[in-house]
C-alpha atoms as a PDB file:
ATOM      1  CA  MET A   1     -31.914-174.725 240.605  1.00  0.00           C
ATOM      2  CA  SER A   2     -28.556-172.982 240.401  1.00  0.00           C
ATOM      3  CA  SER A   3     -27.775-170.627 237.568  1.00  0.00           C
ATOM      4  CA  PRO A   4     -24.488-170.301 235.721  1.00  0.00           C
ATOM      5  CA  THR A   5     -21.933-167.926 237.167  1.00  0.00           C
ATOM      6  CA  GLN A   6     -19.065-166.171 235.476  1.00  0.00           C
ATOM      7  CA  PRO A   7     -16.584-168.424 233.677  1.00  0.00           C
ATOM      8  CA  LYS A   8     -13.846-169.620 236.001  1.00  0.00           C
ATOM      9  CA  LYS A   9     -10.420-170.427 234.655  1.00  0.00           C
ATOM     10  CA  GLY A  10      -8.521-173.279 236.209  1.00  0.00           C
ATOM     11  CA  PRO A  11      -9.577-176.632 237.599  1.00  0.00           C
ATOM     12  CA  ILE A  12     -13.197-177.640 238.080  1.00  0.00           C
ATOM     13  CA  SER A  13     -13.943-178.330 241.732  1.00  0.00           C
ATOM     14  CA  GLU A  14     -17.630-179.284 241.646  1.00  0.00           C
ATOM     15  CA  PHE A  15     -20.520-180.297 239.399  1.00  0.00           C
ATOM     16  CA  PRO A  16     -21.557-178.445 237.384  1.00  0.00           C
ATOM     17  CA  ALA A  17     -18.580-176.439 236.139  1.00  0.00           C
ATOM     18  CA  GLY A  18     -19.020-172.888 237.460  1.00  0.00           C
ATOM     19  CA  ASP A  19     -20.220-171.332 234.199  1.00  0.00           C
ATOM     20  CA  LEU A  20     -22.619-174.135 233.202  1.00  0.00           C
ATOM     21  CA  ARG A  21     -26.201-174.726 234.275  1.00  0.00           C
ATOM     22  CA  ASN A  22     -26.972-177.527 236.735  1.00  0.00           C
ATOM     23  CA  SER A  23     -28.862-179.922 234.484  1.00  0.00           C
ATOM     24  CA  ILE A  24     -31.666-182.063 235.862  1.00  0.00           C
ATOM     25  CA  ARG A  25     -32.409-185.726 235.317  1.00  0.00           C
ATOM     26  CA  LEU A  26     -35.977-186.905 234.820  1.00  0.00           C
ATOM     27  CA  ILE A  27     -36.701-190.620 235.213  1.00  0.00           C
ATOM     28  CA  THR A  28     -40.084-192.111 234.445  1.00  0.00           C
ATOM     29  CA  THR A  29     -41.624-195.210 235.983  1.00  0.00           C
ATOM     30  CA  HIS A  30     -45.120-196.613 236.544  1.00  0.00           C
ATOM     31  CA  ASN A  31     -47.597-196.260 239.382  1.00  0.00           C
ATOM     32  CA  GLU A  32     -49.707-199.138 240.724  1.00  0.00           C
ATOM     33  CA  GLU A  33     -52.273-198.499 237.969  1.00  0.00           C
ATOM     34  CA  GLY A  34     -49.631-198.886 235.257  1.00  0.00           C
ATOM     35  CA  LYS A  35     -49.643-195.188 234.386  1.00  0.00           C
ATOM     36  CA  GLY A  36     -46.437-193.324 233.642  1.00  0.00           C
ATOM     37  CA  VAL A  37     -45.151-191.114 236.470  1.00  0.00           C
ATOM     38  CA  PHE A  38     -41.949-189.191 237.184  1.00  0.00           C
ATOM     39  CA  LEU A  39     -39.591-190.090 239.991  1.00  0.00           C
ATOM     40  CA  PRO A  40     -38.299-187.139 242.037  1.00  0.00           C
ATOM     41  CA  THR A  41     -36.090-184.885 239.904  1.00  0.00           C
ATOM     42  CA  ASP A  42     -32.381-184.962 240.684  1.00  0.00           C
ATOM     43  CA  HIS A  43     -28.960-184.368 239.139  1.00  0.00           C
ATOM     44  CA  GLY A  44     -27.591-187.904 238.752  1.00  0.00           C
ATOM     45  CA  ASP A  45     -26.299-190.558 241.115  1.00  0.00           C
ATOM     46  CA  HIS A  46     -22.513-190.287 240.953  1.00  0.00           C
ATOM     47  CA  HIS A  47     -20.276-187.215 240.437  1.00  0.00           C
ATOM     48  CA  LYS A  48     -16.508-187.344 240.043  1.00  0.00           C
ATOM     49  CA  ILE A  49     -13.829-184.679 239.653  1.00  0.00           C
ATOM     50  CA  MET A  50     -11.410-186.106 237.086  1.00  0.00           C
ATOM     51  CA  VAL A  51      -7.818-185.657 235.925  1.00  0.00           C
ATOM     52  CA  ASN A  52      -6.893-183.075 238.563  1.00  0.00           C
ATOM     53  CA  GLY A  53      -9.919-180.895 237.880  1.00  0.00           C
ATOM     54  CA  HIS A  54      -9.726-180.947 234.081  1.00  0.00           C
ATOM     55  CA  ALA A  55     -13.257-182.350 233.990  1.00  0.00           C
ATOM     56  CA  VAL A  56     -16.156-183.454 236.133  1.00  0.00           C
ATOM     57  CA  ALA A  57     -18.336-186.443 235.265  1.00  0.00           C
ATOM     58  CA  ASN A  58     -21.956-186.894 236.252  1.00  0.00           C
ATOM     59  CA  ILE A  59     -23.430-190.354 235.754  1.00  0.00           C
ATOM     60  CA  ILE A  60     -26.943-189.883 234.417  1.00  0.00           C
ATOM     61  CA  TYR A  61     -27.852-193.577 234.187  1.00  0.00           C
ATOM     62  CA  THR A  62     -26.388-197.063 233.866  1.00  0.00           C
ATOM     63  CA  THR A  63     -27.692-200.516 233.028  1.00  0.00           C
ATOM     64  CA  SER A  64     -26.141-203.913 233.624  1.00  0.00           C
ATOM     65  CA  GLY A  65     -27.397-205.730 230.544  1.00  0.00           C
ATOM     66  CA  ASN A  66     -29.446-205.655 227.392  1.00  0.00           C
ATOM     67  CA  PRO A  67     -32.361-206.073 227.210  1.00  0.00           C
ATOM     68  CA  VAL A  68     -32.872-204.062 230.405  1.00  0.00           C
ATOM     69  CA  SER A  69     -35.037-205.459 233.203  1.00  0.00           C
ATOM     70  CA  LEU A  70     -37.594-202.856 234.315  1.00  0.00           C
ATOM     71  CA  GLN A  71     -39.355-205.322 236.645  1.00  0.00           C
ATOM     72  CA  ASN A  72     -39.707-203.864 240.163  1.00  0.00           C
ATOM     73  CA  ASP A  73     -37.497-200.938 239.078  1.00  0.00           C
ATOM     74  CA  ALA A  74     -34.427-203.232 239.061  1.00  0.00           C
ATOM     75  CA  ASP A  75     -32.650-200.898 236.629  1.00  0.00           C
ATOM     76  CA  ILE A  76     -33.216-197.870 238.869  1.00  0.00           C
ATOM     77  CA  SER A  77     -31.753-199.689 241.881  1.00  0.00           C
ATOM     78  CA  TYR A  78     -28.751-200.826 239.838  1.00  0.00           C
ATOM     79  CA  ALA A  79     -28.034-197.293 238.596  1.00  0.00           C
ATOM     80  CA  ARG A  80     -28.223-195.801 242.093  1.00  0.00           C
ATOM     81  CA  GLU A  81     -26.145-198.448 243.819  1.00  0.00           C
ATOM     82  CA  ASN A  82     -23.349-199.068 241.291  1.00  0.00           C
ATOM     83  CA  GLU A  83     -20.856-196.428 240.235  1.00  0.00           C
ATOM     84  CA  PRO A  84     -19.602-197.573 236.833  1.00  0.00           C
ATOM     85  CA  GLY A  85     -16.160-197.837 235.366  1.00  0.00           C
ATOM     86  CA  LEU A  86     -15.628-196.093 232.037  1.00  0.00           C
ATOM     87  CA  HIS A  87     -18.122-198.526 230.532  1.00  0.00           C
ATOM     88  CA  ILE A  88     -20.029-201.583 231.745  1.00  0.00           C
ATOM     89  CA  GLN A  89     -19.544-204.955 230.088  1.00  0.00           C
ATOM     90  CA  LYS A  90     -22.850-205.931 228.470  1.00  0.00           C
ATOM     91  CA  GLY A  91     -24.402-202.733 229.852  1.00  0.00           C
ATOM     92  CA  THR A  92     -24.719-199.029 229.147  1.00  0.00           C
ATOM     93  CA  VAL A  93     -23.510-195.784 230.699  1.00  0.00           C
ATOM     94  CA  VAL A  94     -24.928-192.310 230.117  1.00  0.00           C
ATOM     95  CA  ARG A  95     -22.404-189.739 231.329  1.00  0.00           C
ATOM     96  CA  LEU A  96     -22.490-185.936 231.299  1.00  0.00           C
ATOM     97  CA  ILE A  97     -18.987-184.415 231.315  1.00  0.00           C
ATOM     98  CA  ASP A  98     -18.052-180.784 231.890  1.00  0.00           C
ATOM     99  CA  PHE A  99     -14.592-179.892 230.508  1.00  0.00           C
ATOM    100  CA  ALA A 100     -12.626-177.029 232.074  1.00  0.00           C
ATOM    101  CA  PRO A 101     -11.502-174.236 229.717  1.00  0.00           C
ATOM    102  CA  GLY A 102      -8.598-175.158 227.433  1.00  0.00           C
ATOM    103  CA  VAL A 103      -7.947-178.669 228.753  1.00  0.00           C
ATOM    104  CA  ASP A 104      -7.234-181.945 226.940  1.00  0.00           C
ATOM    105  CA  SER A 105      -8.288-185.379 228.149  1.00  0.00           C
ATOM    106  CA  PRO A 106      -5.702-188.147 228.075  1.00  0.00           C
ATOM    107  CA  MET A 107      -5.617-190.297 224.915  1.00  0.00           C
ATOM    108  CA  HIS A 108      -7.678-193.429 225.630  1.00  0.00           C
ATOM    109  CA  ARG A 109      -9.685-196.338 224.223  1.00  0.00           C
ATOM    110  CA  ALA A 110     -12.606-198.106 225.874  1.00  0.00           C
ATOM    111  CA  MET A 111     -13.955-201.273 224.334  1.00  0.00           C
ATOM    112  CA  SER A 112     -17.263-199.605 223.641  1.00  0.00           C
ATOM    113  CA  LEU A 113     -19.365-197.889 221.027  1.00  0.00           C
ATOM    114  CA  ASP A 114     -19.804-194.296 222.218  1.00  0.00           C
ATOM    115  CA  TYR A 115     -22.261-191.657 221.102  1.00  0.00           C
ATOM    116  CA  GLY A 116     -20.933-188.214 222.046  1.00  0.00           C
ATOM    117  CA  ILE A 117     -23.239-185.197 221.821  1.00  0.00           C
ATOM    118  CA  VAL A 118     -21.832-181.720 222.445  1.00  0.00           C
ATOM    119  CA  ILE A 119     -24.391-179.546 224.225  1.00  0.00           C
ATOM    120  CA  GLU A 120     -22.314-176.546 225.389  1.00  0.00           C
ATOM    121  CA  GLY A 121     -19.170-175.013 223.914  1.00  0.00           C
ATOM    122  CA  GLU A 122     -16.835-176.549 221.340  1.00  0.00           C
ATOM    123  CA  LEU A 123     -14.865-179.764 221.748  1.00  0.00           C
ATOM    124  CA  GLU A 124     -12.195-181.148 219.466  1.00  0.00           C
ATOM    125  CA  ILE A 125     -11.892-184.920 219.146  1.00  0.00           C
ATOM    126  CA  THR A 126      -8.436-186.105 218.068  1.00  0.00           C
ATOM    127  CA  LEU A 127      -7.650-189.669 217.006  1.00  0.00           C
ATOM    128  CA  ASN A 128      -4.287-191.412 217.377  1.00  0.00           C
ATOM    129  CA  SER A 129      -3.850-191.109 213.584  1.00  0.00           C
ATOM    130  CA  GLY A 130      -3.587-187.345 214.108  1.00  0.00           C
ATOM    131  CA  GLU A 131      -6.963-186.640 212.492  1.00  0.00           C
ATOM    132  CA  SER A 132      -9.225-184.287 214.424  1.00  0.00           C
ATOM    133  CA  ARG A 133     -12.615-182.607 214.152  1.00  0.00           C
ATOM    134  CA  VAL A 134     -14.219-179.731 216.056  1.00  0.00           C
ATOM    135  CA  MET A 135     -17.699-180.389 217.387  1.00  0.00           C
ATOM    136  CA  ARG A 136     -20.238-177.700 218.250  1.00  0.00           C
ATOM    137  CA  PRO A 137     -23.567-177.881 220.134  1.00  0.00           C
ATOM    138  CA  GLY A 138     -25.795-180.455 218.456  1.00  0.00           C
ATOM    139  CA  ASP A 139     -22.910-182.291 216.764  1.00  0.00           C
ATOM    140  CA  ILE A 140     -22.691-186.032 217.418  1.00  0.00           C
ATOM    141  CA  SER A 141     -19.731-188.400 217.254  1.00  0.00           C
ATOM    142  CA  VAL A 142     -20.019-192.158 216.876  1.00  0.00           C
ATOM    143  CA  GLN A 143     -16.769-193.309 218.425  1.00  0.00           C
ATOM    144  CA  ARG A 144     -16.097-196.980 217.676  1.00  0.00           C
ATOM    145  CA  ALA A 145     -13.444-198.077 220.193  1.00  0.00           C
ATOM    146  CA  THR A 146     -10.732-195.854 218.681  1.00  0.00           C
ATOM    147  CA  MET A 147      -7.863-194.232 220.569  1.00  0.00           C
ATOM    148  CA  HIS A 148      -8.981-190.642 221.023  1.00  0.00           C
ATOM    149  CA  LYS A 149      -8.872-187.591 223.243  1.00  0.00           C
ATOM    150  CA  TRP A 150     -11.043-184.532 223.810  1.00  0.00           C
ATOM    151  CA  ARG A 151     -10.000-180.876 224.021  1.00  0.00           C
ATOM    152  CA  ASN A 152     -12.098-177.915 225.086  1.00  0.00           C
ATOM    153  CA  CYS A 153     -11.413-175.382 222.310  1.00  0.00           C
ATOM    154  CA  SER A 154     -12.200-172.379 224.521  1.00  0.00           C
ATOM    155  CA  LYS A 155      -9.609-170.953 226.897  1.00  0.00           C
ATOM    156  CA  GLU A 156     -12.376-168.977 228.655  1.00  0.00           C
ATOM    157  CA  LYS A 157     -15.504-171.162 228.959  1.00  0.00           C
ATOM    158  CA  SER A 158     -16.334-174.683 230.056  1.00  0.00           C
ATOM    159  CA  ALA A 159     -17.746-177.178 227.547  1.00  0.00           C
ATOM    160  CA  ARG A 160     -20.269-179.975 228.124  1.00  0.00           C
ATOM    161  CA  ALA A 161     -21.035-183.217 226.319  1.00  0.00           C
ATOM    162  CA  VAL A 162     -23.269-186.226 226.872  1.00  0.00           C
ATOM    163  CA  PHE A 163     -21.731-189.630 226.220  1.00  0.00           C
ATOM    164  CA  VAL A 164     -23.716-192.850 225.824  1.00  0.00           C
ATOM    165  CA  LEU A 165     -21.404-195.875 226.048  1.00  0.00           C
ATOM    166  CA  LEU A 166     -22.479-199.314 224.858  1.00  0.00           C
ATOM    167  CA  ASP A 167     -20.327-202.395 225.325  1.00  0.00           C
ATOM    168  CA  CYS A 168     -18.926-203.885 222.108  1.00  0.00           C
ATOM    169  CA  GLU A 169     -17.723-207.341 221.156  1.00  0.00           C
ATOM    170  CA  PRO A 170     -13.968-207.976 220.888  1.00  0.00           C
ATOM    171  CA  PHE A 171     -12.540-207.265 217.438  1.00  0.00           C
ATOM    172  CA  SER A 172      -9.251-207.288 215.521  1.00  0.00           C
ATOM    173  CA  ILE A 173      -7.643-205.120 212.841  1.00  0.00           C
ATOM    174  CA  ASN A 174      -5.324-207.087 210.503  1.00  0.00           C
ATOM    175  CA  GLY A 175      -5.022-209.853 213.098  1.00  0.00           C
ATOM    176  CA  VAL A 176      -4.244-207.516 216.015  1.00  0.00           C
ATOM    177  CA  GLU A 177      -6.850-207.616 218.776  1.00  0.00           C
ATOM    178  CA  MET A 178      -7.928-204.158 219.887  1.00  0.00           C
ATOM    179  CA  LYS A 179      -7.722-203.763 223.661  1.00  0.00           C
ATOM    180  CA  GLU A 180      -8.835-201.217 226.217  1.00  0.00           C
ATOM    181  CA  ASP A 181      -6.191-198.564 226.873  1.00  0.00           C
ATOM    182  CA  LEU A 182      -7.253-195.928 229.372  1.00  0.00           C
ATOM    183  CA  GLY A 183      -3.826-194.355 229.704  1.00  0.00           C
ATOM    184  CA  ASP A 184      -3.902-191.722 232.451  1.00  0.00           C
ATOM    185  CA  LEU A 185      -7.672-192.216 232.836  1.00  0.00           C
ATOM    186  CA  ALA A 186      -7.139-195.703 234.333  1.00  0.00           C
ATOM    187  CA  ARG A 187      -6.884-194.327 237.869  1.00  0.00           C
ATOM    188  CA  GLU A 188     -10.210-192.494 237.424  1.00  0.00           C
ATOM    189  CA  TYR A 189     -12.344-195.566 236.726  1.00  0.00           C
ATOM    190  CA  GLN A 190     -12.997-198.790 238.556  1.00  0.00           C
ATOM    191  CA  LYS A 191     -13.454-201.919 236.454  1.00  0.00           C
ATOM    192  CA  HIS A 192     -16.930-203.432 235.888  1.00  0.00           C
END
């Protein structure tokens, strides 16, 4: 397992960001006797350098529907074989994102309910109303399909967050249907 190195300013060129630990993913399944066992430990199925090195995403797990079919490890095969878009219609995405020091994400909206958990550093979430909040390790956001962006508050260290994205039903505000708007993130994600 690699250990963190000194903080590196500038774009991120690999997962994990140079000053963050390489996290592991543990997946459980069942043996022929029906007992719980671990699959081989790894670091996720899909990694992507994003927005010119401002961040790197690591897909921890995805599902294609709810309830999830565990029969014959169908969910495991789906997660390995299908790199998701930002979110999956009727499915879920668990994504680990490392943010380079001092960078902002583009303003964006996915049609999803997102749980964001900061695990390293400090991230500021800003909404299109101008409201913002700083999140520290252990803080959790429940982001309900709002236009928002993320900023790593540190100019020296990378930040890391886990995002769990769940598809949501279409909805309107005062008769105006809310729609996905990925802005500059659109080129980073394929549609699912």
